[in-house]
Amino acid sequence: MEPQTNGNQAPNTPRRKLPCFAAADNPKPSRFATAATTPRQKTWRKCIMSKIHVEFDLEEALKSKGRVFVLFYASWCPFFQRFLPIFEKYARENPENCLRVKTDDKAKLCERYSVDVVPTVLLFEKGKVTKRLDGARGVGLEEKQLKKLVDAP
């Protein structure tokens, strides 16, 4: 008998950790808290990276942080799937400075930040876009491109 998988996961591979959120008065992460919860009710905890579910959360996160890298992606995109481990590697080193936004149902956010190709990484400083890294159509992004963006002054 073959090991069971969820269809998207290879047999015997560990599951990826999902973003963790915790109540301000309870430091233990809750699986049931979401990014759609108001900032007064929940605070972001250190984790690999926070996933933004609504536009309000992105605005609040950008206001509360100085320098933030935001990855815009589409779940169906093979170039994003190839780039995600690269971005997660950077996010593990800088968990407070990395966010990701799933563009599948966020047309207004894509339009607002001129995201036409996924994956795209935007660098926000004090809530404003200062640099961007757009994936090339049919190619995506590579580690050296992210490193160049991260290392830029």
Protein backbone atom coordinates (compact mmCIF):
# COMPACT_ATOMS: atom_id res chain seq x y z
CA MET A 1 0.00 0.00 0.00
CA GLU A 2 1.33 3.49 -0.95
CA PRO A 3 1.68 6.22 1.67
CA GLN A 4 -1.21 8.68 1.59
CA THR A 5 -0.62 12.25 0.47
CA ASN A 6 -2.85 15.23 -0.04
CA GLY A 7 -2.23 15.20 -3.79
CA ASN A 8 0.13 18.19 -3.75
CA GLN A 9 2.76 16.68 -1.51
CA ALA A 10 5.28 13.97 -2.29
CA PRO A 11 5.10 10.88 -0.06
CA ASN A 12 7.04 11.04 3.22
CA THR A 13 7.81 14.77 2.97
CA PRO A 14 7.26 17.00 5.98
CA ARG A 15 4.43 19.53 5.77
CA ARG A 16 5.35 23.21 5.55
CA LYS A 17 4.67 25.33 8.58
CA LEU A 18 1.86 27.82 8.13
CA PRO A 19 2.06 31.42 9.33
CA CYS A 20 1.59 31.66 13.07
CA PHE A 21 -0.43 34.30 14.87
CA ALA A 22 -0.89 34.69 18.60
CA ALA A 23 -3.12 36.72 20.85
CA ALA A 24 -1.39 39.62 22.55
CA ASP A 25 -2.16 38.19 25.99
CA ASN A 26 -1.40 34.57 25.02
CA PRO A 27 2.05 33.95 23.49
CA LYS A 28 1.11 30.46 22.32
CA PRO A 29 0.36 30.50 18.55
CA SER A 30 -3.20 29.70 17.59
CA ARG A 31 -4.07 27.72 14.48
CA PHE A 32 -7.45 29.40 14.39
CA ALA A 33 -6.36 33.05 14.43
CA THR A 34 -6.22 34.66 11.01
CA ALA A 35 -4.66 37.74 9.48
CA ALA A 36 -8.18 39.12 9.04
CA THR A 37 -8.40 39.58 12.81
CA THR A 38 -8.00 43.20 13.83
CA PRO A 39 -4.50 44.25 14.91
CA ARG A 40 -5.74 45.14 18.40
CA GLN A 41 -6.92 41.57 18.92
CA LYS A 42 -3.86 39.81 17.54
CA THR A 43 -0.17 40.61 17.15
CA TRP A 44 2.24 39.04 14.72
CA ARG A 45 4.70 36.61 16.23
CA LYS A 46 8.08 35.64 14.82
CA CYS A 47 7.58 32.98 12.20
CA ILE A 48 8.89 32.22 8.74
CA MET A 49 6.73 34.91 7.19
CA SER A 50 3.25 36.32 7.59
CA LYS A 51 0.69 35.73 4.91
CA ILE A 52 -1.55 38.71 4.17
CA HIS A 53 -5.20 37.88 3.56
CA VAL A 54 -6.81 41.33 3.24
CA GLU A 55 -5.62 44.74 2.06
CA PHE A 56 -6.14 46.28 5.50
CA ASP A 57 -3.62 43.85 6.98
CA LEU A 58 -0.98 44.80 4.41
CA GLU A 59 -1.40 48.50 5.17
CA GLU A 60 -1.18 47.88 8.93
CA ALA A 61 1.89 45.63 8.57
CA LEU A 62 3.67 48.19 6.39
CA LYS A 63 2.94 51.00 8.86
CA SER A 64 4.23 48.99 11.81
CA LYS A 65 7.51 47.91 10.20
CA GLY A 66 10.39 49.90 8.75
CA ARG A 67 11.84 47.82 5.90
CA VAL A 68 9.62 45.04 4.52
CA PHE A 69 9.95 42.65 1.58
CA VAL A 70 6.56 41.61 0.20
CA LEU A 71 6.30 38.64 -2.14
CA PHE A 72 3.30 38.75 -4.48
CA TYR A 73 2.54 35.28 -5.82
CA ALA A 74 -0.06 33.05 -7.45
CA SER A 75 -0.56 29.58 -6.03
CA TRP A 76 -0.82 28.02 -9.49
CA CYS A 77 2.43 29.56 -10.82
CA PRO A 78 5.31 27.07 -11.28
CA PHE A 79 7.86 29.92 -11.17
CA PHE A 80 6.58 30.98 -7.75
CA GLN A 81 6.76 27.38 -6.55
CA ARG A 82 10.40 27.29 -7.64
CA PHE A 83 11.16 30.69 -6.04
CA LEU A 84 9.33 30.11 -2.72
CA PRO A 85 12.15 28.08 -1.04
CA ILE A 86 14.60 30.86 -1.96
CA PHE A 87 12.37 33.54 -0.41
CA GLU A 88 11.66 31.35 2.64
CA LYS A 89 15.41 30.93 3.18
CA TYR A 90 15.77 34.71 3.38
CA ALA A 91 12.60 34.94 5.52
CA ARG A 92 14.06 32.51 8.09
CA GLU A 93 16.99 34.89 8.56
CA ASN A 94 14.73 37.99 8.68
CA PRO A 95 11.28 36.83 9.82
CA GLU A 96 10.01 40.26 10.85
CA ASN A 97 10.76 41.79 7.43
CA CYS A 98 8.99 39.37 5.09
CA LEU A 99 5.36 39.14 4.04
CA ARG A 100 3.59 37.38 1.23
CA VAL A 101 0.40 38.19 -0.66
CA LYS A 102 -1.50 35.61 -2.71
CA THR A 103 -2.66 37.46 -5.82
CA ASP A 104 -5.24 34.89 -6.97
CA ASP A 105 -8.08 36.99 -5.54
CA LYS A 106 -6.35 40.33 -4.83
CA ALA A 107 -6.80 42.19 -8.12
CA LYS A 108 -7.06 45.57 -6.36
CA LEU A 109 -3.71 45.09 -4.58
CA CYS A 110 -2.05 44.00 -7.82
CA GLU A 111 -3.42 47.06 -9.58
CA ARG A 112 -2.42 49.37 -6.72
CA TYR A 113 1.21 48.19 -6.76
CA SER A 114 1.41 47.50 -10.53
CA VAL A 115 2.02 43.78 -10.12
CA ASP A 116 1.57 42.28 -13.58
CA VAL A 117 3.88 39.26 -13.29
CA VAL A 118 4.28 36.75 -10.46
CA PRO A 119 6.40 36.26 -8.53
CA THR A 120 7.15 39.90 -7.74
CA VAL A 121 9.02 41.15 -4.67
CA LEU A 122 8.46 44.73 -3.51
CA LEU A 123 10.66 46.47 -0.97
CA PHE A 124 8.70 48.85 1.26
CA GLU A 125 10.43 51.38 3.48
CA LYS A 126 8.20 53.36 5.84
CA GLY A 127 5.11 52.19 3.94
CA LYS A 128 6.31 53.29 0.48
CA VAL A 129 7.59 51.11 -2.37
CA THR A 130 11.27 51.92 -2.83
CA LYS A 131 12.45 49.01 -4.99
CA ARG A 132 10.87 46.16 -6.89
CA LEU A 133 11.89 42.88 -8.41
CA ASP A 134 9.53 41.65 -11.12
CA GLY A 135 9.73 38.10 -12.36
CA ALA A 136 10.38 37.69 -16.06
CA ARG A 137 7.51 36.12 -18.02
CA GLY A 138 8.21 32.44 -18.50
CA VAL A 139 11.29 32.57 -16.24
CA GLY A 140 10.35 33.86 -12.78
CA LEU A 141 13.01 34.97 -10.28
CA GLU A 142 16.34 33.57 -9.15
CA GLU A 143 18.30 33.68 -5.91
CA LYS A 144 20.96 36.05 -7.23
CA GLN A 145 18.26 38.59 -8.14
CA LEU A 146 16.82 38.47 -4.62
CA LYS A 147 20.29 38.74 -3.10
CA LYS A 148 20.99 41.83 -5.22
CA LEU A 149 17.72 43.42 -4.05
CA VAL A 150 18.35 42.54 -0.38
CA ASP A 151 21.95 43.79 -0.43
CA ALA A 152 21.12 47.08 -2.16
CA PRO A 153 21.43 50.10 0.15
